[in-house]
Amino acid sequence: VQLQASGGGLVQTGGSLRLSCVSSKRTFTNNGVGWFRQAPGKEREFVATISWSGGSTYYADSVKGRFTISRDNAKNTVYLQMNSLKAEDTAVYYCAASRFATGSSQAGPYVNWGQGTLVTVSS
């Protein structure tokens, strides 16, 4: 499964962006998907995850209430709507598909990773 993340860019504090993660294969629809991010000089961290059906989602405390993960399986796409962006949200954002139908906040279950898209929030 090849994943392509897009939608990153430069935005001011308080602004919004919507990231997209598109899969090249239909089997994406059977997998949980997660978004992770890595800021310069920091380790990769979990952001949000969604189950194969979209019925279950989970967020990192740092983004809860500001970010929303969703998916459209007909389009093989998972979205991350990011609102009220802060400077500390600046990072390269990666999407990944789990080997399981459920999502996870841990990187271990994820077997396919996208190339990342850069989000820069200016203060």
Protein backbone atom coordinates (compact mmCIF):
# COMPACT_ATOMS: atom_id res chain seq x y z
CA VAL A 1 0.00 0.00 0.00
CA GLN A 2 1.50 3.32 -1.08
CA LEU A 3 0.39 6.39 0.86
CA GLN A 4 0.62 9.99 -0.27
CA ALA A 5 0.25 12.77 2.29
CA SER A 6 -0.49 16.31 1.14
CA GLY A 7 -2.00 19.58 2.27
CA GLY A 8 0.81 20.98 4.36
CA GLY A 9 1.98 24.56 4.10
CA LEU A 10 2.63 27.79 5.92
CA VAL A 11 -0.13 29.17 8.12
CA GLN A 12 -0.36 31.76 10.87
CA THR A 13 -1.11 30.95 14.47
CA GLY A 14 -4.80 30.30 14.89
CA GLY A 15 -5.23 29.25 11.28
CA SER A 16 -6.38 25.98 9.78
CA LEU A 17 -5.13 23.35 7.37
CA ARG A 18 -6.53 20.07 6.11
CA LEU A 19 -4.14 17.26 5.41
CA SER A 20 -5.02 14.38 3.11
CA CYS A 21 -3.63 10.88 2.97
CA VAL A 22 -4.45 8.98 -0.20
CA SER A 23 -3.85 5.29 -0.69
CA SER A 24 -2.94 3.70 -3.96
CA LYS A 25 -4.84 0.54 -3.16
CA ARG A 26 -8.36 -0.29 -2.22
CA THR A 27 -7.19 -2.45 0.68
CA PHE A 28 -6.57 0.78 2.56
CA THR A 29 -10.23 0.72 3.42
CA ASN A 30 -9.67 -2.30 5.68
CA ASN A 31 -6.92 -0.67 7.72
CA GLY A 32 -6.73 1.62 10.67
CA VAL A 33 -4.83 4.80 9.80
CA GLY A 34 -2.79 7.11 11.95
CA TRP A 35 -1.22 10.52 11.69
CA PHE A 36 2.13 11.14 13.33
CA ARG A 37 4.40 14.16 13.29
CA GLN A 38 8.04 14.94 13.79
CA ALA A 39 9.30 18.40 14.66
CA PRO A 40 12.92 19.42 14.03
CA GLY A 41 15.19 17.88 16.61
CA LYS A 42 12.39 15.90 18.22
CA GLU A 43 11.17 12.35 18.08
CA ARG A 44 8.17 11.33 16.06
CA GLU A 45 4.95 11.56 18.04
CA PHE A 46 1.44 10.29 17.65
CA VAL A 47 -1.25 12.75 16.59
CA ALA A 48 -4.49 10.92 15.76
CA THR A 49 -5.83 7.60 14.57
CA ILE A 50 -9.01 6.23 13.04
CA SER A 51 -10.40 2.73 12.63
CA TRP A 52 -11.17 1.19 9.24
CA SER A 53 -14.83 2.20 9.41
CA GLY A 54 -14.23 5.61 10.86
CA GLY A 55 -16.31 4.66 13.85
CA SER A 56 -13.47 4.97 16.33
CA THR A 57 -11.00 7.80 16.66
CA TYR A 58 -8.35 8.72 19.21
CA TYR A 59 -6.23 11.83 19.65
CA ALA A 60 -3.11 12.94 21.43
CA ASP A 61 -3.93 15.26 24.31
CA SER A 62 -1.97 18.05 22.64
CA VAL A 63 -4.37 18.18 19.66
CA LYS A 64 -7.65 17.06 21.21
CA GLY A 65 -10.41 19.53 20.50
CA ARG A 66 -8.43 21.20 17.70
CA PHE A 67 -7.77 18.39 15.22
CA THR A 68 -10.28 16.03 13.63
CA ILE A 69 -9.43 12.84 11.78
CA SER A 70 -11.90 11.41 9.29
CA ARG A 71 -11.95 9.14 6.28
CA ASP A 72 -13.75 8.60 3.01
CA ASN A 73 -13.22 4.99 2.03
CA ALA A 74 -14.88 5.52 -1.33
CA LYS A 75 -11.99 7.86 -2.12
CA ASN A 76 -9.32 5.83 -0.29
CA THR A 77 -8.54 8.98 1.66
CA VAL A 78 -8.02 9.91 5.31
CA TYR A 79 -8.12 13.54 6.39
CA LEU A 80 -6.71 15.50 9.28
CA GLN A 81 -8.48 18.80 9.82
CA MET A 82 -6.29 21.04 11.93
CA ASN A 83 -7.80 24.14 13.51
CA SER A 84 -6.48 26.71 15.97
CA LEU A 85 -2.95 25.88 14.94
CA LYS A 86 -0.11 26.75 17.26
CA ALA A 87 3.60 27.26 16.66
CA GLU A 88 4.25 23.96 18.43
CA ASP A 89 2.25 22.15 15.75
CA THR A 90 5.05 22.86 13.29
CA ALA A 91 6.34 19.51 12.05
CA VAL A 92 6.44 17.08 9.19
CA TYR A 93 3.19 15.12 9.31
CA TYR A 94 3.10 11.48 8.26
CA CYS A 95 0.18 9.18 7.66
CA ALA A 96 0.48 5.46 8.09
CA ALA A 97 -1.69 2.39 7.57
CA SER A 98 -1.95 -0.21 10.30
CA ARG A 99 -1.83 -3.93 9.75
CA PHE A 100 -5.00 -4.05 11.81
CA ALA A 101 -8.51 -2.73 11.27
CA THR A 102 -8.28 -0.64 14.41
CA GLY A 103 -6.06 2.35 14.93
CA SER A 104 -3.26 2.71 17.45
CA SER A 105 -1.31 5.44 19.16
CA GLN A 106 1.81 3.30 18.93
CA ALA A 107 3.97 3.17 15.80
CA GLY A 108 4.46 -0.60 15.95
CA PRO A 109 1.25 -1.71 14.16
CA TYR A 110 1.83 0.64 11.23
CA VAL A 111 3.41 -1.02 8.24
CA ASN A 112 3.03 1.53 5.47
CA TRP A 113 4.10 5.12 5.82
CA GLY A 114 3.60 8.11 3.56
CA GLN A 115 6.40 10.49 2.67
CA GLY A 116 5.27 13.31 4.95
CA THR A 117 4.01 16.82 4.42
CA LEU A 118 5.46 19.89 6.14
CA VAL A 119 3.26 22.10 8.29
CA THR A 120 4.74 25.38 9.43
CA VAL A 121 2.84 27.61 11.84
CA SER A 122 4.19 31.11 12.17
CA SER A 123 3.59 33.23 15.24
